[in-house]
Amino acid sequence: MGAAAHLGIKLGEYDAAIRTLIPHYEELIAAAGAAVGATARTAPAVVDLGTGSGALAHAILKARPKARLVGIDEDAGMLTMAEKRLRGRLETVHGNFEETAIPRCDVISASFALHHIPTGRRKAAMYQRCFNALRPGGVIVSADCCLASSTALKQSHRAAWLGHLQAHHSRAKAEKYLRTWAKEDVYFTLDREVELLKEAGFGVEIAFRKTCFAVVVGLK
């Protein structure tokens, strides 16, 4: 299923609609792009997993204008959008990022992509592949939903997400979005994400966090 279909929107509406669906979206993407600055290289080779419409790749170019970008996505329509946005600055690869070889690089990035990995075992394997693909001093940056560990905070964060959705959609539609995503996406706690990254060999920093949304940085 393509990203737009997964969200229940038309492809051409994606960039506008995503802001109505994800709280703090622009802050998250900006923080993830800036986090690429954790690598010392001025012209890093960047592999963007599930590159979508290229929003994160575009933000990375603001932090590292000389970056060389490769975007991997299995949605051909989204890759076309990313190519238009990046205007020749992005090399695209059509494929599932769990199955596609990750070239040697300095940065691996992802925004709202890794929650499509359904199990801890598979995510651990993905993080290990990323660690192996990165050069010494490289970083992995992921912007995604990372749940709180406590039940009370999880409920509070869900209520905040629902409130954001209801500011743009009917209550019934907002509830339906969250129910549908709960069936299709797999969100780990922030603690578990950190644990998996450390098990792969990364040092870990949290570059951004608001409610259940975070930018997690793994340093090799």
Protein backbone atom coordinates (compact mmCIF):
# COMPACT_ATOMS: atom_id res chain seq x y z
CA MET A 1 0.00 0.00 0.00
CA GLY A 2 1.30 3.45 -0.91
CA ALA A 3 1.74 6.18 1.70
CA ALA A 4 -1.21 8.25 0.53
CA ALA A 5 -3.55 5.24 0.48
CA HIS A 6 -2.28 4.22 3.92
CA LEU A 7 -3.32 7.64 5.25
CA GLY A 8 -6.59 7.63 3.34
CA ILE A 9 -5.73 10.67 1.20
CA LYS A 10 -4.99 11.43 -2.45
CA LEU A 11 -1.35 11.47 -3.53
CA GLY A 12 -1.40 15.12 -4.55
CA GLU A 13 -2.82 16.10 -1.16
CA TYR A 14 -0.05 14.43 0.84
CA ASP A 15 2.13 17.39 1.78
CA ALA A 16 -0.81 19.49 2.94
CA ALA A 17 -2.71 16.64 4.59
CA ILE A 18 0.22 15.23 6.59
CA ARG A 19 0.29 18.42 8.68
CA THR A 20 -3.34 17.87 9.68
CA LEU A 21 -2.59 14.29 10.70
CA ILE A 22 0.72 14.51 12.57
CA PRO A 23 1.15 16.99 15.44
CA HIS A 24 4.36 19.05 15.42
CA TYR A 25 5.11 17.77 11.91
CA GLU A 26 7.15 20.76 10.71
CA GLU A 27 9.10 20.93 14.00
CA LEU A 28 9.86 17.21 13.78
CA ILE A 29 11.11 17.37 10.22
CA ALA A 30 13.20 20.48 10.92
CA ALA A 31 14.71 18.86 14.02
CA ALA A 32 15.50 15.66 12.12
CA GLY A 33 17.15 17.62 9.31
CA ALA A 34 19.22 19.61 11.79
CA ALA A 35 20.26 16.43 13.62
CA VAL A 36 22.22 15.39 10.53
CA GLY A 37 24.67 18.01 11.73
CA ALA A 38 25.85 15.39 14.22
CA THR A 39 28.08 14.05 11.46
CA ALA A 40 31.28 16.02 10.93
CA ARG A 41 31.22 15.58 7.15
CA THR A 42 30.27 18.68 5.15
CA ALA A 43 29.17 16.64 2.12
CA PRO A 44 27.74 13.47 3.67
CA ALA A 45 26.32 10.59 1.67
CA VAL A 46 22.74 10.28 2.94
CA VAL A 47 20.32 7.38 2.51
CA ASP A 48 16.72 8.33 3.29
CA LEU A 49 14.56 5.31 4.10
CA GLY A 50 10.93 5.56 3.02
CA THR A 51 11.70 8.95 1.56
CA GLY A 52 8.06 9.70 0.71
CA SER A 53 7.57 13.15 -0.77
CA GLY A 54 11.15 14.12 0.13
CA ALA A 55 10.32 16.43 3.04
CA LEU A 56 13.10 15.13 5.30
CA ALA A 57 15.59 14.99 2.44
CA HIS A 58 14.81 18.64 1.73
CA ALA A 59 15.35 19.54 5.40
CA ILE A 60 18.67 17.68 5.38
CA LEU A 61 19.86 19.85 2.51
CA LYS A 62 19.25 22.91 4.66
CA ALA A 63 21.63 21.51 7.29
CA ARG A 64 24.12 20.05 4.82
CA PRO A 65 23.74 21.82 1.42
CA LYS A 66 26.45 19.65 -0.13
CA ALA A 67 24.86 16.35 0.93
CA ARG A 68 24.51 13.59 -1.66
CA LEU A 69 21.07 12.02 -1.26
CA VAL A 70 19.62 8.61 -2.06
CA GLY A 71 15.93 8.03 -1.33
CA ILE A 72 14.46 4.53 -1.03
CA ASP A 73 10.69 4.02 -1.25
CA GLU A 74 8.38 1.35 -2.60
CA ASP A 75 5.75 3.91 -3.61
CA ALA A 76 6.61 5.05 -7.15
CA GLY A 77 4.19 7.98 -6.95
CA MET A 78 5.86 9.34 -3.83
CA LEU A 79 9.29 8.99 -5.43
CA THR A 80 8.09 11.12 -8.33
CA MET A 81 6.98 13.79 -5.85
CA ALA A 82 10.35 13.64 -4.10
CA GLU A 83 12.23 14.00 -7.39
CA LYS A 84 10.21 17.12 -8.25
CA ARG A 85 10.81 18.62 -4.81
CA LEU A 86 14.56 17.96 -4.79
CA ARG A 87 15.10 19.02 -8.43
CA GLY A 88 17.92 16.69 -9.34
CA ARG A 89 19.47 16.52 -5.87
CA LEU A 90 17.97 13.10 -5.04
CA GLU A 91 18.81 9.72 -6.52
CA THR A 92 15.80 7.46 -6.07
CA VAL A 93 15.58 3.71 -5.55
CA HIS A 94 12.22 1.98 -5.96
CA GLY A 95 12.03 -0.76 -3.36
CA ASN A 96 11.18 -1.86 0.18
CA PHE A 97 13.87 -0.50 2.50
CA GLU A 98 13.87 -3.71 4.55
CA GLU A 99 14.87 -5.64 1.45
CA THR A 100 16.91 -3.08 -0.52
CA ALA A 101 20.68 -2.96 -0.03
CA ILE A 102 21.81 0.15 1.85
CA PRO A 103 24.92 1.62 0.22
CA ARG A 104 27.89 2.72 2.30
CA CYS A 105 27.03 6.14 3.69
CA ASP A 106 27.48 8.76 6.42
CA VAL A 107 23.84 9.33 7.33
CA ILE A 108 20.72 7.17 7.32
CA SER A 109 17.47 9.05 7.83
CA ALA A 110 13.81 8.16 8.14
CA SER A 111 10.61 10.03 8.93
CA PHE A 112 7.43 8.14 9.78
CA ALA A 113 8.81 5.11 7.98
CA LEU A 114 10.28 2.71 10.55
CA HIS A 115 6.92 2.18 12.28
CA HIS A 116 6.03 0.00 9.30
CA ILE A 117 8.47 -2.61 10.65
CA PRO A 118 6.12 -4.91 12.58
CA THR A 119 8.35 -6.72 15.08
CA GLY A 120 11.21 -6.01 17.43
CA ARG A 121 13.26 -8.74 15.79
CA ARG A 122 12.93 -7.18 12.34
CA LYS A 123 13.60 -3.69 13.64
CA ALA A 124 16.71 -4.95 15.44
CA ALA A 125 17.89 -6.47 12.16
CA MET A 126 17.19 -3.19 10.36
CA TYR A 127 19.19 -1.19 12.87
CA GLN A 128 22.06 -3.65 12.57
CA ARG A 129 22.02 -3.28 8.78
CA CYS A 130 22.11 0.49 9.23
CA PHE A 131 25.03 0.30 11.65
CA ASN A 132 26.96 -1.90 9.23
CA ALA A 133 26.27 0.46 6.29
CA LEU A 134 27.39 3.60 8.09
CA ARG A 135 30.98 4.78 8.02
CA PRO A 136 32.70 5.52 11.37
CA GLY A 137 31.27 8.74 12.74
CA GLY A 138 28.02 8.21 10.84
CA VAL A 139 24.52 8.76 12.25
CA ILE A 140 21.03 7.39 11.91
CA VAL A 141 18.20 9.89 12.42
CA SER A 142 14.59 8.79 12.80
CA ALA A 143 11.53 11.00 13.31
CA ASP A 144 8.53 8.95 14.38
CA CYS A 145 5.92 8.16 16.98
CA CYS A 146 7.65 6.73 20.07
CA LEU A 147 5.30 5.80 22.87
CA ALA A 148 5.70 6.66 26.52
CA SER A 149 6.34 3.81 28.93
CA SER A 150 3.57 4.66 31.40
CA THR A 151 -0.11 4.00 30.73
CA ALA A 152 -1.10 7.45 31.96
CA LEU A 153 1.27 9.24 29.60
CA LYS A 154 0.26 7.03 26.68
CA GLN A 155 -3.37 8.00 27.27
CA SER A 156 -2.47 11.67 27.58
CA HIS A 157 -0.45 11.60 24.37
CA ARG A 158 -3.23 9.81 22.50
CA ALA A 159 -5.70 12.45 23.68
CA ALA A 160 -3.38 15.20 22.42
CA TRP A 161 -3.06 13.47 19.04
CA LEU A 162 -6.84 13.09 18.85
CA GLY A 163 -7.22 16.77 19.67
CA HIS A 164 -4.89 17.71 16.83
CA LEU A 165 -6.86 15.54 14.39
CA GLN A 166 -10.16 17.01 15.55
CA ALA A 167 -8.88 20.50 14.86
CA HIS A 168 -8.84 19.55 11.17
CA HIS A 169 -11.31 16.65 10.84
CA SER A 170 -14.58 15.49 12.37
CA ARG A 171 -14.39 13.56 15.65
CA ALA A 172 -15.60 10.40 13.91
CA LYS A 173 -12.94 10.69 11.21
CA ALA A 174 -10.25 11.48 13.78
CA GLU A 175 -11.12 8.39 15.82
CA LYS A 176 -11.17 6.28 12.67
CA TYR A 177 -7.68 7.47 11.73
CA LEU A 178 -6.24 6.40 15.07
CA ARG A 179 -8.05 3.04 15.04
CA THR A 180 -6.87 2.29 11.50
CA TRP A 181 -3.26 3.27 12.19
CA ALA A 182 -3.25 1.19 15.38
CA LYS A 183 -3.99 -1.87 13.21
CA GLU A 184 -1.46 -1.06 10.48
CA ASP A 185 1.46 0.63 12.26
CA VAL A 186 3.64 -0.59 15.11
CA TYR A 187 4.85 1.99 17.60
CA PHE A 188 7.51 1.01 20.12
CA THR A 189 8.16 2.89 23.33
CA LEU A 190 10.98 5.41 23.22
CA ASP A 191 12.85 3.29 25.75
CA ARG A 192 12.60 0.26 23.45
CA GLU A 193 13.80 2.24 20.42
CA VAL A 194 16.84 3.39 22.39
CA GLU A 195 17.49 -0.16 23.57
CA LEU A 196 17.36 -1.57 20.04
CA LEU A 197 19.72 1.08 18.72
CA LYS A 198 22.19 0.45 21.54
CA GLU A 199 22.05 -3.28 20.91
CA ALA A 200 23.06 -2.58 17.29
CA GLY A 201 26.10 -0.65 18.54
CA PHE A 202 24.89 2.96 18.47
CA GLY A 203 25.26 5.68 21.05
CA VAL A 204 21.86 7.34 21.35
CA GLU A 205 20.61 10.91 21.79
CA ILE A 206 17.08 12.33 21.71
CA ALA A 207 17.14 15.45 19.53
CA PHE A 208 13.44 16.32 19.88
CA ARG A 209 10.40 15.11 21.81
CA LYS A 210 6.84 16.40 22.14
CA THR A 211 4.13 14.08 23.46
CA CYS A 212 4.62 10.77 21.61
CA PHE A 213 6.69 12.20 18.75
CA ALA A 214 10.47 12.15 18.80
CA VAL A 215 13.62 12.48 16.77
CA VAL A 216 16.03 9.75 17.83
CA VAL A 217 19.68 9.89 16.79
CA GLY A 218 22.04 6.93 16.78
CA LEU A 219 25.78 7.68 16.57
CA LYS A 220 28.32 5.19 15.30
